[in-house]
Amino acid sequence: MSTSPLAAYLPANEGGLLPYWMLFVSATAVFNSVQNYLTTSLTRQVYARSPASVNPLQARLFGVWTLTSACVRLYAAYNIGVKPVYDLALLTYAIALWHFGSEAVAYRTVGHKGLAGPLIVSTTSLVWMWQQHDYYVRA
């Protein structure tokens, strides 16, 4: 039975789907990082309650932050059984949840539409990783 040539580039799934999810989230984050360098329009949509706060420097800084998270998550997707890597990836989702939550509640810069995606991804990923920690991480 032959497999797709692309299958060789996918992370080992260790019997679960979390590595594929992390690969998908990482790829999406890379796109988001690139768009932050090209335009501020999508970032202004996220921070819709304070669009004047979004400028090219802020967008590039956000792009670097997002790219850093993508790299950690991508590395974790391919090294899902390594505890420090797994824990760092989990922490990136906690940081994202903290950032967007504080921007929505404390600073009131993020509207409901801008909060939906990051809230769903960070919360889903945190819960999934927390629940599956012992399944993936080898002592």
N, C-alpha and C. Protein backbone atom coordinates (compact mmCIF):
# COMPACT_ATOMS: atom_id res chain seq x y z
N MET A 1 0.85 -1.17 0.00
CA MET A 1 0.00 0.00 0.00
C MET A 1 0.89 1.24 0.00
N SER A 2 0.71 2.12 -0.96
CA SER A 2 1.52 3.32 -1.04
C SER A 2 0.83 4.47 -0.31
N THR A 3 1.65 5.36 0.20
CA THR A 3 1.12 6.54 0.88
C THR A 3 1.47 7.77 0.07
N SER A 4 0.80 8.83 0.38
CA SER A 4 1.04 10.09 -0.30
C SER A 4 2.46 10.58 -0.01
N PRO A 5 3.10 11.21 -1.00
CA PRO A 5 4.43 11.76 -0.75
C PRO A 5 4.41 12.82 0.35
N LEU A 6 3.28 13.47 0.53
CA LEU A 6 3.16 14.49 1.58
C LEU A 6 3.12 13.88 2.97
N ALA A 7 2.71 12.63 3.07
CA ALA A 7 2.60 11.97 4.37
C ALA A 7 3.94 11.93 5.10
N ALA A 8 5.03 11.88 4.35
CA ALA A 8 6.36 11.85 4.96
C ALA A 8 6.67 13.13 5.73
N TYR A 9 5.99 14.22 5.39
CA TYR A 9 6.24 15.51 6.03
C TYR A 9 5.33 15.77 7.23
N LEU A 10 4.34 14.92 7.42
CA LEU A 10 3.43 15.10 8.55
C LEU A 10 4.07 14.58 9.83
N PRO A 11 3.72 15.18 10.96
CA PRO A 11 4.25 14.66 12.22
C PRO A 11 3.68 13.28 12.52
N ALA A 12 4.44 12.50 13.27
CA ALA A 12 3.92 11.21 13.73
C ALA A 12 2.74 11.50 14.65
N ASN A 13 1.66 10.78 14.45
CA ASN A 13 0.46 11.13 15.23
C ASN A 13 0.40 10.46 16.59
N GLU A 14 1.32 9.56 16.89
CA GLU A 14 1.36 8.91 18.20
C GLU A 14 0.00 8.30 18.58
N GLY A 15 -0.83 8.03 17.60
CA GLY A 15 -2.14 7.46 17.87
C GLY A 15 -3.22 8.48 18.14
N GLY A 16 -2.91 9.75 18.01
CA GLY A 16 -3.88 10.81 18.26
C GLY A 16 -3.75 11.92 17.24
N LEU A 17 -4.63 12.89 17.32
CA LEU A 17 -4.68 13.96 16.33
C LEU A 17 -4.03 15.27 16.77
N LEU A 18 -3.61 15.36 18.02
CA LEU A 18 -3.04 16.61 18.52
C LEU A 18 -1.86 17.13 17.70
N PRO A 19 -0.92 16.28 17.28
CA PRO A 19 0.18 16.81 16.47
C PRO A 19 -0.30 17.45 15.16
N TYR A 20 -1.34 16.88 14.54
CA TYR A 20 -1.88 17.47 13.31
C TYR A 20 -2.55 18.81 13.59
N TRP A 21 -3.25 18.89 14.70
CA TRP A 21 -3.89 20.15 15.10
C TRP A 21 -2.82 21.23 15.30
N MET A 22 -1.74 20.85 15.97
CA MET A 22 -0.68 21.83 16.23
C MET A 22 0.01 22.25 14.93
N LEU A 23 0.14 21.34 13.99
CA LEU A 23 0.69 21.68 12.68
C LEU A 23 -0.23 22.67 11.97
N PHE A 24 -1.52 22.41 12.00
CA PHE A 24 -2.51 23.31 11.38
C PHE A 24 -2.48 24.69 12.02
N VAL A 25 -2.48 24.74 13.34
CA VAL A 25 -2.46 26.02 14.05
C VAL A 25 -1.16 26.77 13.74
N SER A 26 -0.05 26.06 13.65
CA SER A 26 1.23 26.69 13.32
C SER A 26 1.22 27.28 11.91
N ALA A 27 0.69 26.53 10.96
CA ALA A 27 0.61 27.04 9.58
C ALA A 27 -0.26 28.28 9.51
N THR A 28 -1.36 28.27 10.22
CA THR A 28 -2.25 29.43 10.26
C THR A 28 -1.53 30.63 10.88
N ALA A 29 -0.76 30.38 11.92
CA ALA A 29 -0.02 31.46 12.58
C ALA A 29 1.06 32.04 11.67
N VAL A 30 1.70 31.21 10.87
CA VAL A 30 2.70 31.72 9.92
C VAL A 30 2.02 32.66 8.93
N PHE A 31 0.86 32.27 8.41
CA PHE A 31 0.10 33.16 7.52
C PHE A 31 -0.20 34.48 8.23
N ASN A 32 -0.65 34.40 9.47
CA ASN A 32 -0.98 35.61 10.23
C ASN A 32 0.25 36.48 10.42
N SER A 33 1.40 35.88 10.66
CA SER A 33 2.64 36.63 10.82
C SER A 33 3.01 37.38 9.55
N VAL A 34 2.91 36.69 8.43
CA VAL A 34 3.24 37.32 7.14
C VAL A 34 2.30 38.48 6.86
N GLN A 35 1.01 38.30 7.08
CA GLN A 35 0.06 39.38 6.80
C GLN A 35 0.31 40.57 7.70
N ASN A 36 0.83 40.34 8.92
CA ASN A 36 1.15 41.46 9.80
C ASN A 36 2.29 42.31 9.26
N TYR A 37 3.17 41.72 8.48
CA TYR A 37 4.25 42.47 7.85
C TYR A 37 3.79 43.19 6.59
N LEU A 38 2.74 42.70 5.97
CA LEU A 38 2.29 43.27 4.70
C LEU A 38 1.23 44.35 4.87
N THR A 39 0.37 44.21 5.86
CA THR A 39 -0.74 45.14 6.03
C THR A 39 -1.20 45.13 7.49
N THR A 40 -1.86 46.20 7.87
CA THR A 40 -2.45 46.24 9.22
C THR A 40 -3.95 45.98 9.18
N SER A 41 -4.50 45.72 8.01
CA SER A 41 -5.96 45.63 7.89
C SER A 41 -6.57 44.50 8.71
N LEU A 42 -5.99 43.31 8.68
CA LEU A 42 -6.55 42.20 9.46
C LEU A 42 -6.34 42.40 10.96
N THR A 43 -5.21 42.99 11.32
CA THR A 43 -4.95 43.26 12.73
C THR A 43 -5.91 44.32 13.26
N ARG A 44 -6.24 45.29 12.42
CA ARG A 44 -7.23 46.30 12.82
C ARG A 44 -8.60 45.66 13.06
N GLN A 45 -8.90 44.60 12.33
CA GLN A 45 -10.17 43.90 12.55
C GLN A 45 -10.18 43.18 13.90
N VAL A 46 -9.04 42.64 14.29
CA VAL A 46 -8.95 41.97 15.59
C VAL A 46 -9.11 42.98 16.72
N TYR A 47 -8.37 44.08 16.61
CA TYR A 47 -8.41 45.13 17.64
C TYR A 47 -9.38 46.23 17.22
N ALA A 48 -10.58 45.82 16.85
CA ALA A 48 -11.57 46.73 16.27
C ALA A 48 -12.06 47.81 17.23
N ARG A 49 -11.97 47.57 18.51
CA ARG A 49 -12.44 48.58 19.46
C ARG A 49 -11.42 49.70 19.65
N SER A 50 -10.21 49.52 19.13
CA SER A 50 -9.17 50.53 19.22
C SER A 50 -8.27 50.48 17.98
N PRO A 51 -8.86 50.67 16.79
CA PRO A 51 -8.06 50.53 15.57
C PRO A 51 -6.92 51.54 15.46
N ALA A 52 -7.04 52.68 16.13
CA ALA A 52 -5.96 53.67 16.09
C ALA A 52 -4.70 53.16 16.80
N SER A 53 -4.86 52.17 17.68
CA SER A 53 -3.70 51.59 18.37
C SER A 53 -2.87 50.70 17.46
N VAL A 54 -3.45 50.28 16.36
CA VAL A 54 -2.75 49.40 15.43
C VAL A 54 -1.97 50.26 14.44
N ASN A 55 -0.66 50.10 14.47
CA ASN A 55 0.21 50.80 13.52
C ASN A 55 1.20 49.79 12.96
N PRO A 56 1.97 50.15 11.95
CA PRO A 56 2.88 49.17 11.35
C PRO A 56 3.87 48.55 12.34
N LEU A 57 4.39 49.34 13.26
CA LEU A 57 5.33 48.79 14.24
C LEU A 57 4.64 47.77 15.14
N GLN A 58 3.46 48.11 15.64
CA GLN A 58 2.71 47.19 16.49
C GLN A 58 2.37 45.92 15.73
N ALA A 59 2.00 46.05 14.47
CA ALA A 59 1.64 44.88 13.66
C ALA A 59 2.85 43.97 13.46
N ARG A 60 4.02 44.56 13.19
CA ARG A 60 5.22 43.74 13.01
C ARG A 60 5.62 43.05 14.31
N LEU A 61 5.49 43.76 15.43
CA LEU A 61 5.79 43.16 16.73
C LEU A 61 4.85 41.99 17.00
N PHE A 62 3.57 42.19 16.72
CA PHE A 62 2.60 41.12 16.88
C PHE A 62 2.93 39.96 15.93
N GLY A 63 3.41 40.29 14.73
CA GLY A 63 3.81 39.26 13.77
C GLY A 63 4.96 38.41 14.29
N VAL A 64 5.94 39.05 14.92
CA VAL A 64 7.08 38.32 15.48
C VAL A 64 6.63 37.44 16.64
N TRP A 65 5.78 37.98 17.49
CA TRP A 65 5.24 37.21 18.62
C TRP A 65 4.48 35.98 18.10
N THR A 66 3.67 36.18 17.09
CA THR A 66 2.89 35.08 16.52
C THR A 66 3.79 34.05 15.85
N LEU A 67 4.83 34.52 15.15
CA LEU A 67 5.76 33.61 14.50
C LEU A 67 6.54 32.79 15.53
N THR A 68 6.92 33.42 16.63
CA THR A 68 7.61 32.69 17.70
C THR A 68 6.73 31.58 18.25
N SER A 69 5.47 31.91 18.51
CA SER A 69 4.52 30.89 18.99
C SER A 69 4.36 29.78 17.96
N ALA A 70 4.30 30.14 16.68
CA ALA A 70 4.16 29.14 15.62
C ALA A 70 5.35 28.20 15.60
N CYS A 71 6.55 28.73 15.78
CA CYS A 71 7.76 27.89 15.78
C CYS A 71 7.74 26.90 16.95
N VAL A 72 7.37 27.38 18.13
CA VAL A 72 7.31 26.49 19.30
C VAL A 72 6.27 25.40 19.07
N ARG A 73 5.12 25.78 18.56
CA ARG A 73 4.04 24.81 18.34
C ARG A 73 4.39 23.82 17.23
N LEU A 74 5.05 24.30 16.18
CA LEU A 74 5.47 23.42 15.10
C LEU A 74 6.50 22.41 15.60
N TYR A 75 7.45 22.89 16.37
CA TYR A 75 8.46 22.00 16.94
C TYR A 75 7.79 20.96 17.84
N ALA A 76 6.81 21.40 18.60
CA ALA A 76 6.08 20.47 19.48
C ALA A 76 5.29 19.45 18.68
N ALA A 77 4.74 19.84 17.55
CA ALA A 77 3.99 18.90 16.73
C ALA A 77 4.86 17.72 16.30
N TYR A 78 6.13 18.00 16.03
CA TYR A 78 7.05 16.95 15.58
C TYR A 78 7.81 16.29 16.74
N ASN A 79 7.68 16.86 17.94
CA ASN A 79 8.36 16.32 19.12
C ASN A 79 7.38 16.25 20.29
N ILE A 80 6.21 15.73 20.01
CA ILE A 80 5.08 15.77 20.95
C ILE A 80 5.36 15.00 22.24
N GLY A 81 6.26 14.05 22.22
CA GLY A 81 6.54 13.25 23.41
C GLY A 81 7.59 13.82 24.33
N VAL A 82 8.18 14.96 23.98
CA VAL A 82 9.23 15.56 24.79
C VAL A 82 8.60 16.56 25.76
N LYS A 83 8.67 16.25 27.05
CA LYS A 83 7.96 17.03 28.06
C LYS A 83 8.25 18.53 28.02
N PRO A 84 9.50 19.00 28.01
CA PRO A 84 9.72 20.45 28.00
C PRO A 84 9.14 21.13 26.76
N VAL A 85 9.20 20.46 25.63
CA VAL A 85 8.65 21.02 24.39
C VAL A 85 7.13 21.07 24.47
N TYR A 86 6.54 19.99 24.94
CA TYR A 86 5.08 19.93 25.12
C TYR A 86 4.62 21.03 26.06
N ASP A 87 5.32 21.18 27.18
CA ASP A 87 4.95 22.18 28.17
C ASP A 87 5.10 23.60 27.63
N LEU A 88 6.15 23.86 26.87
CA LEU A 88 6.31 25.19 26.26
C LEU A 88 5.19 25.49 25.28
N ALA A 89 4.82 24.50 24.49
CA ALA A 89 3.73 24.70 23.53
C ALA A 89 2.43 25.00 24.27
N LEU A 90 2.17 24.25 25.34
CA LEU A 90 0.98 24.50 26.14
C LEU A 90 1.01 25.93 26.69
N LEU A 91 2.18 26.36 27.12
CA LEU A 91 2.33 27.72 27.65
C LEU A 91 2.04 28.78 26.60
N THR A 92 2.37 28.52 25.33
CA THR A 92 2.08 29.52 24.29
C THR A 92 0.58 29.75 24.15
N TYR A 93 -0.20 28.70 24.34
CA TYR A 93 -1.66 28.86 24.28
C TYR A 93 -2.17 29.62 25.49
N ALA A 94 -1.57 29.37 26.66
CA ALA A 94 -1.96 30.11 27.87
C ALA A 94 -1.63 31.59 27.71
N ILE A 95 -0.48 31.90 27.14
CA ILE A 95 -0.09 33.30 26.91
C ILE A 95 -1.05 33.96 25.93
N ALA A 96 -1.40 33.25 24.87
CA ALA A 96 -2.35 33.81 23.90
C ALA A 96 -3.70 34.08 24.56
N LEU A 97 -4.17 33.14 25.37
CA LEU A 97 -5.44 33.33 26.06
C LEU A 97 -5.36 34.53 27.00
N TRP A 98 -4.26 34.65 27.73
CA TRP A 98 -4.08 35.79 28.62
C TRP A 98 -4.07 37.10 27.83
N HIS A 99 -3.32 37.13 26.74
CA HIS A 99 -3.22 38.36 25.94
C HIS A 99 -4.59 38.79 25.42
N PHE A 100 -5.26 37.90 24.73
CA PHE A 100 -6.54 38.28 24.12
C PHE A 100 -7.62 38.51 25.18
N GLY A 101 -7.58 37.73 26.25
CA GLY A 101 -8.54 37.94 27.32
C GLY A 101 -8.35 39.29 27.99
N SER A 102 -7.11 39.65 28.27
CA SER A 102 -6.86 40.95 28.91
C SER A 102 -7.16 42.10 27.96
N GLU A 103 -6.87 41.91 26.68
CA GLU A 103 -7.20 42.97 25.71
C GLU A 103 -8.71 43.16 25.61
N ALA A 104 -9.47 42.08 25.75
CA ALA A 104 -10.93 42.18 25.67
C ALA A 104 -11.53 42.74 26.95
N VAL A 105 -11.07 42.25 28.10
CA VAL A 105 -11.71 42.60 29.37
C VAL A 105 -11.10 43.85 30.00
N ALA A 106 -9.79 43.89 30.13
CA ALA A 106 -9.14 45.00 30.84
C ALA A 106 -8.93 46.22 29.96
N TYR A 107 -8.41 46.01 28.76
CA TYR A 107 -8.06 47.14 27.90
C TYR A 107 -9.14 47.49 26.89
N ARG A 108 -10.05 46.57 26.66
CA ARG A 108 -11.20 46.78 25.76
C ARG A 108 -10.78 47.20 24.34
N THR A 109 -9.77 46.53 23.82
CA THR A 109 -9.33 46.82 22.46
C THR A 109 -9.83 45.78 21.46
N VAL A 110 -10.18 44.59 21.96
CA VAL A 110 -10.61 43.49 21.09
C VAL A 110 -12.12 43.34 21.19
N GLY A 111 -12.77 43.32 20.02
CA GLY A 111 -14.21 43.09 19.98
C GLY A 111 -14.53 41.62 19.96
N HIS A 112 -15.81 41.30 19.99
CA HIS A 112 -16.24 39.90 20.01
C HIS A 112 -15.76 39.14 18.78
N LYS A 113 -15.84 39.77 17.62
CA LYS A 113 -15.42 39.10 16.38
C LYS A 113 -13.92 38.81 16.40
N GLY A 114 -13.13 39.77 16.86
CA GLY A 114 -11.68 39.57 16.93
C GLY A 114 -11.25 38.59 18.00
N LEU A 115 -12.08 38.43 19.01
CA LEU A 115 -11.76 37.53 20.12
C LEU A 115 -12.13 36.08 19.83
N ALA A 116 -13.10 35.86 18.98
CA ALA A 116 -13.65 34.51 18.76
C ALA A 116 -12.58 33.49 18.35
N GLY A 117 -11.84 33.75 17.30
CA GLY A 117 -10.84 32.79 16.81
C GLY A 117 -9.77 32.48 17.85
N PRO A 118 -9.07 33.51 18.36
CA PRO A 118 -8.04 33.23 19.37
C PRO A 118 -8.58 32.55 20.62
N LEU A 119 -9.79 32.91 21.03
CA LEU A 119 -10.38 32.30 22.22
C LEU A 119 -10.68 30.82 21.98
N ILE A 120 -11.23 30.50 20.83
CA ILE A 120 -11.55 29.11 20.51
C ILE A 120 -10.28 28.27 20.38
N VAL A 121 -9.29 28.79 19.65
CA VAL A 121 -8.05 28.03 19.43
C VAL A 121 -7.28 27.85 20.73
N SER A 122 -7.10 28.93 21.49
CA SER A 122 -6.30 28.81 22.71
C SER A 122 -6.99 27.94 23.76
N THR A 123 -8.28 28.12 23.94
CA THR A 123 -9.00 27.33 24.94
C THR A 123 -9.06 25.85 24.55
N THR A 124 -9.42 25.58 23.30
CA THR A 124 -9.47 24.20 22.82
C THR A 124 -8.11 23.53 22.97
N SER A 125 -7.06 24.23 22.56
CA SER A 125 -5.72 23.66 22.61
C SER A 125 -5.26 23.43 24.05
N LEU A 126 -5.53 24.39 24.92
CA LEU A 126 -5.16 24.23 26.33
C LEU A 126 -5.84 23.03 26.97
N VAL A 127 -7.14 22.92 26.78
CA VAL A 127 -7.89 21.81 27.37
C VAL A 127 -7.41 20.48 26.78
N TRP A 128 -7.26 20.44 25.47
CA TRP A 128 -6.82 19.22 24.79
C TRP A 128 -5.44 18.80 25.29
N MET A 129 -4.50 19.75 25.33
CA MET A 129 -3.15 19.42 25.76
C MET A 129 -3.10 19.03 27.23
N TRP A 130 -3.88 19.70 28.05
CA TRP A 130 -3.92 19.38 29.48
C TRP A 130 -4.45 17.95 29.69
N GLN A 131 -5.54 17.64 29.01
CA GLN A 131 -6.15 16.31 29.17
C GLN A 131 -5.29 15.19 28.60
N GLN A 132 -4.55 15.47 27.54
CA GLN A 132 -3.79 14.43 26.86
C GLN A 132 -2.31 14.40 27.24
N HIS A 133 -1.92 15.20 28.21
CA HIS A 133 -0.51 15.30 28.59
C HIS A 133 0.12 13.93 28.83
N ASP A 134 -0.47 13.13 29.69
CA ASP A 134 0.12 11.83 30.03
C ASP A 134 0.09 10.84 28.86
N TYR A 135 -0.82 11.04 27.93
CA TYR A 135 -0.89 10.17 26.76
C TYR A 135 0.32 10.41 25.84
N TYR A 136 0.67 11.68 25.64
CA TYR A 136 1.73 12.02 24.70
C TYR A 136 3.12 12.08 25.32
N VAL A 137 3.22 12.60 26.52
CA VAL A 137 4.53 12.86 27.12
C VAL A 137 5.07 11.59 27.76
N ARG A 138 6.28 11.27 27.36
CA ARG A 138 6.97 10.12 27.94
C ARG A 138 7.82 10.61 29.11
N ALA A 139 7.76 9.89 30.21
CA ALA A 139 8.50 10.29 31.42
C ALA A 139 9.99 10.17 31.23
